[in-house]
Each structure stands twice: as structure tokens, then as C-alpha cells.
Protein backbone atom coordinates (compact mmCIF):
# COMPACT_ATOMS: atom_id res chain seq x y z
CA MET A 1 -57.46 -63.54 29.27
CA ASN A 2 -57.53 -59.88 30.45
CA ASN A 3 -61.17 -59.46 29.38
CA THR A 4 -62.10 -62.37 31.60
CA TRP A 5 -60.86 -61.30 35.10
CA ARG A 6 -61.32 -57.50 35.13
CA PRO A 7 -65.12 -57.56 35.77
CA LEU A 8 -64.58 -60.07 38.54
CA ILE A 9 -62.41 -57.57 40.41
CA ILE A 10 -64.75 -54.57 39.90
CA LEU A 11 -67.84 -56.35 41.20
CA PRO A 12 -66.45 -57.07 44.69
CA LEU A 13 -65.27 -53.44 44.98
CA LEU A 14 -68.73 -52.11 44.17
CA ALA A 15 -70.24 -54.42 46.71
CA ALA A 16 -67.83 -53.20 49.37
CA ALA A 17 -68.62 -49.57 48.56
CA VAL A 18 -72.36 -50.20 48.88
CA ALA A 19 -71.83 -51.93 52.20
CA MET A 20 -69.74 -49.05 53.55
CA GLY A 21 -72.34 -46.51 52.41
CA GLY A 22 -74.99 -48.43 54.30
CA CYS A 23 -72.92 -48.40 57.47
CA GLY A 24 -72.35 -44.59 57.16
CA ALA A 25 -76.07 -43.85 56.88
CA LYS A 26 -76.78 -45.93 59.95
CA SER A 27 -74.09 -44.13 61.98
CA HIS A 28 -75.49 -40.68 61.09
CA SER A 29 -78.97 -41.72 62.18
CA GLU A 30 -77.67 -43.01 65.45
CA THR A 31 -75.82 -39.74 66.06
CA LYS A 32 -79.05 -37.76 65.64
CA LYS A 33 -80.81 -40.02 68.11
CA GLU A 34 -77.96 -39.58 70.61
CA GLU A 35 -78.12 -35.78 70.28
CA ALA A 36 -81.88 -35.89 70.84
CA LYS A 37 -81.36 -37.89 74.01
CA LEU A 38 -78.51 -35.62 75.30
CA VAL A 39 -79.34 -33.95 78.62
CA VAL A 40 -76.89 -31.40 80.04
CA PRO A 41 -76.81 -30.74 83.81
CA VAL A 42 -76.97 -27.00 84.55
CA GLU A 43 -77.45 -24.55 87.39
CA ILE A 44 -80.01 -21.79 87.00
CA ASP A 45 -81.04 -18.44 88.39
CA SER A 46 -83.86 -15.98 87.73
CA VAL A 47 -84.17 -12.50 86.29
CA THR A 48 -84.79 -10.15 89.23
CA LEU A 49 -85.45 -6.51 89.96
CA GLY A 50 -82.96 -4.40 91.88
CA ASP A 51 -80.53 -1.51 91.88
CA ILE A 52 -77.29 -1.59 89.92
CA ALA A 53 -74.52 0.98 89.96
CA ALA A 54 -72.01 2.17 87.41
CA PHE A 55 -68.56 2.88 88.75
CA PHE A 56 -64.99 3.72 87.87
CA THR A 57 -62.37 1.43 89.37
CA GLY A 58 -58.77 2.04 90.28
CA THR A 59 -56.07 1.26 92.82
CA ALA A 60 -54.27 3.52 95.25
CA THR A 61 -52.24 3.57 98.43
CA ILE A 62 -53.98 4.89 101.53
CA GLU A 63 -52.39 8.04 102.92
CA ALA A 64 -52.85 10.28 105.92
CA GLU A 65 -54.63 13.52 105.08
CA GLN A 66 -52.61 15.23 107.82
CA GLU A 67 -49.00 14.17 108.24
CA THR A 68 -45.96 16.06 109.41
CA GLU A 69 -42.32 15.68 110.32
CA VAL A 70 -41.77 17.21 113.74
CA VAL A 71 -38.50 19.15 113.75
CA ALA A 72 -36.42 20.54 116.58
CA LYS A 73 -36.49 24.34 116.61
CA VAL A 74 -33.34 24.57 118.72
CA GLY A 75 -30.30 22.34 119.07
CA GLY A 76 -29.35 20.37 122.15
CA VAL A 77 -29.04 16.98 123.79
CA VAL A 78 -32.17 14.83 124.06
CA GLU A 79 -32.91 14.53 127.76
CA LYS A 80 -36.25 12.74 127.76
CA ILE A 81 -38.66 11.09 125.29
CA MET A 82 -42.32 11.22 126.31
CA VAL A 83 -44.00 9.17 123.54
CA GLU A 84 -43.41 6.07 121.46
CA GLU A 85 -44.41 4.89 117.99
CA GLY A 86 -48.08 3.95 117.73
CA GLN A 87 -49.14 6.33 120.49
CA PHE A 88 -51.89 8.86 119.81
CA VAL A 89 -50.90 12.48 120.50
CA ARG A 90 -52.80 15.74 120.42
CA ALA A 91 -51.71 19.01 118.81
CA GLY A 92 -49.33 20.88 121.14
CA GLN A 93 -48.39 17.79 123.15
CA VAL A 94 -44.72 17.48 124.21
CA LEU A 95 -43.01 14.56 122.46
CA ALA A 96 -39.47 15.01 123.80
CA LYS A 97 -37.43 17.40 125.95
CA LEU A 98 -33.93 18.75 125.36
CA ASP A 99 -31.41 19.67 128.01
CA ASP A 100 -32.34 23.30 128.77
CA GLU A 101 -29.72 24.20 131.41
CA MET A 102 -27.79 26.59 129.20
CA ILE A 103 -30.94 28.12 127.75
CA SER A 104 -32.27 28.74 131.30
CA VAL A 105 -29.06 30.55 132.26
CA GLN A 106 -29.30 32.69 129.12
CA LEU A 107 -32.91 33.52 130.00
CA ASP A 108 -31.97 34.56 133.54
CA GLN A 109 -29.19 36.76 132.19
CA ALA A 110 -31.51 38.36 129.67
CA ALA A 111 -34.10 38.96 132.40
CA ALA A 112 -31.57 40.69 134.66
CA ASN A 113 -30.34 42.99 131.87
CA LEU A 114 -33.92 43.75 130.88
CA LYS A 115 -34.81 44.78 134.40
CA LYS A 116 -31.81 47.09 134.56
CA LEU A 117 -32.49 48.73 131.19
CA GLU A 118 -36.20 49.05 131.95
CA SER A 119 -35.41 50.96 135.12
CA ASN A 120 -33.00 53.24 133.23
CA PHE A 121 -35.58 53.83 130.49
CA GLU A 122 -38.33 54.74 133.00
CA ARG A 123 -36.00 57.19 134.77
CA ASN A 124 -34.96 58.88 131.52
CA LYS A 125 -38.56 59.00 130.42
CA ASP A 126 -39.48 60.93 133.58
CA LEU A 127 -36.50 63.21 133.25
CA HIS A 128 -37.21 63.85 129.59
CA SER A 129 -40.76 64.89 130.41
CA LYS A 130 -39.25 67.47 132.79
CA GLN A 131 -36.71 68.49 130.13
CA LEU A 132 -33.84 67.43 132.35
CA VAL A 133 -32.27 65.08 129.76
CA SER A 134 -31.95 65.45 126.05
CA THR A 135 -34.15 63.68 123.56
CA GLU A 136 -31.11 61.83 122.27
CA VAL A 137 -30.36 60.32 125.71
CA PHE A 138 -34.01 59.37 126.19
CA GLN A 139 -34.26 57.70 122.75
CA GLN A 140 -31.01 55.81 123.33
CA SER A 141 -32.30 54.38 126.61
CA GLN A 142 -35.57 53.45 124.93
CA TYR A 143 -33.73 51.66 122.11
CA GLU A 144 -31.53 49.70 124.54
CA TYR A 145 -34.55 48.65 126.57
CA GLU A 146 -36.52 47.48 123.53
CA GLN A 147 -33.50 45.63 122.16
CA GLN A 148 -32.96 43.82 125.44
CA LYS A 149 -36.65 42.95 125.63
CA ALA A 150 -36.29 41.25 122.23
CA PHE A 151 -33.26 39.30 123.54
CA TYR A 152 -35.30 38.25 126.57
CA ASP A 153 -38.27 37.15 124.42
CA MET A 154 -35.91 35.13 122.23
CA ALA A 155 -34.35 33.40 125.24
CA ARG A 156 -37.77 32.60 126.66
CA LEU A 157 -38.88 31.26 123.26
CA ASN A 158 -35.76 29.08 123.04
CA LEU A 159 -36.57 27.66 126.47
CA ASP A 160 -40.07 26.84 125.24
CA TYR A 161 -38.60 25.29 122.09
CA SER A 162 -36.51 22.92 124.21
CA GLU A 163 -39.76 20.99 124.49
CA ILE A 164 -40.44 19.36 121.11
CA LYS A 165 -44.18 19.54 120.42
CA THR A 166 -46.38 18.14 117.66
CA PRO A 167 -48.28 20.69 115.56
CA ILE A 168 -51.06 18.19 114.69
CA SER A 169 -53.05 15.43 116.36
CA GLY A 170 -52.43 11.89 115.20
CA VAL A 171 -50.39 8.76 115.75
CA VAL A 172 -46.61 8.77 116.17
CA SER A 173 -45.65 6.80 113.07
CA GLU A 174 -41.88 7.16 113.44
CA ARG A 175 -39.39 8.16 116.14
CA LYS A 176 -35.98 9.25 114.81
CA ILE A 177 -34.13 10.21 118.01
CA LYS A 178 -32.85 8.53 121.15
CA VAL A 179 -32.08 9.83 124.63
CA GLY A 180 -28.59 11.32 124.63
CA ASN A 181 -28.58 12.22 120.94
CA MET A 182 -27.20 15.63 120.04
CA ILE A 183 -29.59 17.21 117.58
CA LEU A 184 -29.41 20.34 115.48
CA PRO A 185 -32.02 23.02 114.75
CA ASN A 186 -34.52 21.90 112.06
CA GLN A 187 -33.55 18.23 112.48
CA THR A 188 -36.45 15.77 112.11
CA THR A 189 -37.27 14.05 115.39
CA PHE A 190 -40.66 12.39 114.87
CA ARG A 191 -43.27 11.74 112.19
CA VAL A 192 -46.90 12.15 113.19
CA SER A 193 -49.72 10.86 110.96
CA GLY A 194 -53.37 11.74 111.36
CA LEU A 195 -55.62 8.70 110.94
CA ASP A 196 -58.93 10.52 110.76
CA PRO A 197 -59.60 11.08 107.95
CA LEU A 198 -57.51 9.01 105.58
CA ILE A 199 -57.23 9.62 101.85
CA ALA A 200 -56.46 7.71 98.66
CA VAL A 201 -55.37 9.45 95.46
CA LEU A 202 -56.53 8.14 92.09
CA PHE A 203 -55.45 9.34 88.67
CA VAL A 204 -58.56 9.09 86.50
CA PRO A 205 -58.48 9.27 82.67
CA GLU A 206 -59.87 12.58 81.50
CA ARG A 207 -62.64 10.87 79.49
CA HIS A 208 -64.28 9.93 82.82
CA LEU A 209 -64.06 13.42 84.27
CA ASP A 210 -67.61 14.44 83.31
CA LYS A 211 -68.97 11.52 85.37
CA LEU A 212 -67.27 12.53 88.62
CA ARG A 213 -68.49 15.03 91.20
CA THR A 214 -67.29 16.06 94.64
CA GLY A 215 -69.14 14.08 97.29
CA GLN A 216 -69.80 11.02 95.13
CA LEU A 217 -69.82 7.70 96.97
CA SER A 218 -66.82 5.41 96.72
CA LYS A 219 -65.98 2.03 98.21
CA LEU A 220 -62.58 0.73 99.25
CA ALA A 221 -61.60 -2.93 99.40
CA VAL A 222 -58.42 -3.60 101.36
CA ASP A 223 -56.93 -7.10 101.35
CA ALA A 224 -54.93 -6.46 104.50
CA ILE A 225 -58.02 -6.21 106.70
CA ASN A 226 -60.06 -8.89 104.86
CA SER A 227 -63.42 -7.31 105.58
CA ASP A 228 -66.36 -5.70 103.87
CA GLU A 229 -65.88 -2.66 101.67
CA ILE A 230 -65.33 0.61 103.50
CA GLU A 231 -67.25 3.64 102.32
CA GLY A 232 -65.68 6.93 101.31
CA HIS A 233 -66.41 9.86 99.03
CA ILE A 234 -64.70 12.17 96.57
CA LYS A 235 -63.26 15.04 98.59
CA ARG A 236 -61.66 17.02 95.79
CA ILE A 237 -60.95 16.87 92.07
CA SER A 238 -57.96 18.64 90.60
CA PRO A 239 -58.90 21.31 88.05
CA ILE A 240 -55.84 20.40 85.95
CA VAL A 241 -55.36 17.55 83.48
CA ASP A 242 -51.81 16.19 83.45
CA PRO A 243 -50.79 16.56 79.77
CA SER A 244 -48.17 13.81 80.02
CA THR A 245 -50.63 11.13 81.20
CA GLY A 246 -54.05 12.53 80.28
CA THR A 247 -55.28 11.93 83.84
CA VAL A 248 -56.89 13.99 86.59
CA LYS A 249 -55.99 13.71 90.27
CA VAL A 250 -59.01 12.64 92.33
CA THR A 251 -58.75 12.49 96.13
CA ILE A 252 -60.95 10.02 98.01
CA GLU A 253 -61.61 10.58 101.73
CA THR A 254 -62.60 7.77 104.07
CA LYS A 255 -63.06 7.23 107.78
CA ASP A 256 -62.72 3.97 109.65
CA PRO A 257 -64.24 4.16 113.16
CA LEU A 258 -62.86 0.69 113.94
CA GLY A 259 -59.29 1.86 113.28
CA ARG A 260 -58.42 -0.93 110.84
CA LEU A 261 -57.03 1.23 108.04
CA ARG A 262 -53.44 2.39 108.11
CA PRO A 263 -51.43 4.69 105.84
CA GLY A 264 -49.52 2.64 103.30
CA MET A 265 -52.20 -0.03 102.82
CA PHE A 266 -53.10 -0.95 99.24
CA ALA A 267 -56.75 -0.45 98.27
CA ARG A 268 -58.96 -1.20 95.28
CA ILE A 269 -61.40 1.65 94.86
CA LYS A 270 -64.76 1.99 93.13
CA ILE A 271 -66.23 5.43 92.51
CA ILE A 272 -69.97 5.07 91.99
CA TYR A 273 -71.13 7.73 89.51
CA ASP A 274 -74.66 6.53 88.68
CA VAL A 275 -77.31 4.11 89.98
CA HIS A 276 -80.21 2.58 88.05
CA ALA A 277 -82.92 1.72 90.54
CA ASN A 278 -85.48 -1.09 90.23
CA THR A 279 -84.09 -2.45 86.98
CA LEU A 280 -83.92 -5.98 85.55
CA LYS A 281 -80.67 -7.74 86.33
CA ILE A 282 -79.11 -11.18 86.07
CA PRO A 283 -75.97 -12.83 87.44
CA LYS A 284 -72.85 -11.98 85.50
CA ASP A 285 -72.05 -15.70 85.14
CA ALA A 286 -75.06 -16.17 82.83
CA ILE A 287 -73.73 -13.94 80.06
CA ILE A 288 -72.29 -15.37 76.83
CA SER A 289 -70.29 -12.80 74.86
CA GLU A 290 -69.91 -13.40 71.11
CA ASP A 291 -68.89 -10.86 68.46
CA ARG A 292 -69.81 -7.86 70.59
CA GLU A 293 -73.20 -9.39 71.31
CA SER A 294 -74.49 -10.77 74.58
CA ALA A 295 -76.72 -13.81 74.99
CA VAL A 296 -78.10 -16.13 77.66
CA TYR A 297 -79.79 -19.50 77.73
CA VAL A 298 -83.39 -19.32 78.90
CA VAL A 299 -84.84 -22.55 80.30
CA ARG A 300 -88.44 -23.48 79.47
CA ASP A 301 -89.86 -26.98 80.05
CA SER A 302 -86.36 -28.38 80.64
CA VAL A 303 -85.09 -27.05 77.30
CA ALA A 304 -82.47 -24.26 77.01
CA TYR A 305 -83.11 -21.66 74.30
CA LYS A 306 -80.47 -19.14 73.32
CA HIS A 307 -81.63 -15.49 73.57
CA ASN A 308 -79.70 -12.41 72.51
CA ILE A 309 -80.07 -9.59 75.04
CA SER A 310 -79.19 -5.93 75.46
CA ILE A 311 -77.20 -5.07 78.57
CA GLY A 312 -76.53 -1.89 80.52
CA TYR A 313 -74.45 -1.38 83.65
CA ILE A 314 -72.21 -4.20 84.86
CA ASN A 315 -70.88 -4.63 88.39
CA THR A 316 -68.81 -7.38 89.97
CA THR A 317 -71.73 -9.81 90.31
CA HIS A 318 -74.66 -8.68 88.14
CA VAL A 319 -75.54 -7.26 84.73
CA GLU A 320 -78.39 -4.89 83.93
CA VAL A 321 -80.76 -6.23 81.24
CA LEU A 322 -82.22 -3.59 78.92
CA GLY A 323 -84.03 -5.96 76.59
CA GLY A 324 -84.53 -9.61 75.61
CA LEU A 325 -85.65 -10.98 78.97
CA ALA A 326 -88.64 -10.67 81.27
CA LEU A 327 -88.90 -10.67 85.04
CA ASP A 328 -88.63 -14.17 86.55
CA ASP A 329 -87.25 -15.75 83.35
CA VAL A 330 -85.08 -18.73 84.30
CA ILE A 331 -81.54 -18.57 82.91
CA VAL A 332 -78.53 -20.88 82.93
CA THR A 333 -75.59 -19.73 85.06
CA THR A 334 -73.39 -22.85 85.18
CA GLY A 335 -73.00 -25.37 82.36
CA LYS A 336 -73.75 -23.01 79.48
CA GLY A 337 -70.50 -23.95 77.75
CA SER A 338 -71.94 -27.38 76.90
CA LEU A 339 -75.22 -26.05 75.51
CA LYS A 340 -76.58 -25.42 72.05
CA ASP A 341 -79.90 -23.85 71.18
CA SER A 342 -82.82 -26.14 72.16
CA THR A 343 -80.67 -28.49 74.25
CA ARG A 344 -82.47 -30.45 76.93
CA VAL A 345 -81.16 -29.73 80.41
CA ASP A 346 -81.26 -31.26 83.84
CA ILE A 347 -81.49 -28.61 86.53
CA VAL A 348 -79.03 -29.14 89.36
CA ARG A 349 -80.07 -27.54 92.61
CA LYS A 350 -77.41 -25.55 94.43
């Protein structure tokens, strides 16, 4: 009985296997046809000629090149404040005045004593020339006169110091006193910040040091003013490498005629150390990076072909092409992620 039904079971299984194999072959063929018909929408751009720069980037806080804390040189009560925060002041301008009544009295007293001792000195000088007084008396009168003159000069200087003056030109960035305050000698009263020029300090890795020179162009992007980049230049480079960080202090100087920049603002800085002029370049968005190699898709007759290329300098928007492309070649910028070599494309106009 067993020999009778076993072949009957095997035959239907073979038939099913053959049928399934036929279906698989048909599906593969259809897949090939679908791939051949696939058209990927892409955006394109062209290879162009232009300049491209190499630069070092970093971030820094904008600072005032000239900034000082204005201190009181004598103590006293604040009688009057002449300026407020945000006001521009010039070097030597009076910012505040102290009560000088006592200092004026001391000056008058010193002046009176000086006049008396000067008269005594002149008389002894005349008498000494006639040998009517001793040299000791003459020298004593001379000493007393000169000592009193120093007291007088000090009193006059203290009267002058009762007016608090700024040693630099700039903007009053902070006022630390109020009318009626009692202040002491060497107490800080104001902070004055020069806004022209402004500086930004970068700490550049020492491996980049050979690329940097004093005077090199730099550009500052500041989010707070939401405008175009502001130009600056390298003003000075420290001759010392910090052994703890392996960096060099580089000071960038910039000027803003429109007065938009302020000390304390955060800036992203590019130091341009080389420029390749009239070179082939393409948009950065066109590049495909794979295993340390760069490639693009070149479009010819509505078909995208993958080309490996050699690249040079890279900036925020473009890449320099050293080899693999020709001027005016059309390349894919958007949609390249859906492409394979020799894929048909539909060009979407921007």
C-alpha cells in the first residue's frame, strides 16, 4: 500500500515548485523593467570659475582694545556727575566732581605760607650775597621755601584731582558712583571702553601658525546684529605657544563705522590665509563623500553618471575642483541620495 501513494504526493509538490519558480523569474524581469523606467527628480547646477579662499575658523568674544577703570585720585563726597552710561567721552573730559571746599582751603593756606617763605628766602639770598647772613641761615630759608612750594603744588594737584577725568576716549560703559557717595582714593568710579577699534582674541592651534601673518584678512559674523560679515585683520600674533593647550594667541582688529558692534558680543571668525583665483568650483551640496573619496553626479542627456573628483579648498558654500570635472559640466545638487550610476533624472527648475 505504501508503494502506491508515495509517488502521488511527490508529483504535486514538484508541480508546485515549478510553478513558484516560474513566478519568481517573472517578478525579477518586471523589477528590471521598473528600474529602467525609474526617473528621479533632481536639482542641478553647473561647474563655474571663480575665487575660493582657505580659512581658519574660530569663535571669540568682542572686546575693547582700549578700556579702563577710572579711579578717584583723592577721597571726598561726590558733588556732581557730568556723564551717564552710553555717553561718548574724550580723553581728559571731567566725568564727576568731588566736594573741594576743604581742598580749596588747604590750597589757600599753602599759598599764603609759600608767599611768606618766598619773601624770606629772597631777603636771605640778598643778604647772603652781601655776606650779611651765614650760609647756614640762607640754606635753611631756601629749604623751607622749597618744601612749602612742594606742599602748595600738592594742594593744587589735589584740587585738580577733585575733578574725576577719563584718561582715554570712549563710551562710558559703567557708572559705579552716585551723588552724595563718600569715595576713597583709588576707588573705581567709572568704566570707559573705546569702541574704535574693537578686538577679538582667538587661540589658534600651533599647527596653523605657519599659515597666519599680521595683516591677513578676517571676517566676523555676529548673530546679535544679523547682518553681513564685518571685515577685520590680524593685528598681532603672540610669539609664545601655550604649552598647556598647544595654542597661540591671535588678536583680530575690526572697525564698525555704523557702530553696531559692542564689547561682549559673540562672534564667529574666519581668518583667510590663502585665495585660489579663477579656479573651478561647485556647490558644496553636490559633493558625495565615501571612504575618503569625493564624487558627484554629472547629468548628460537626462542621465546621471557618478564621477569621482579631486577637491581643494572648501568654504561655507562651494568646493574647489582640482580634477574630474570640466567647466560648465552639469551636476546634481539636490536629490543625489536617490541616485545610482546611470539613473535617469528629471530636472526640476528652481
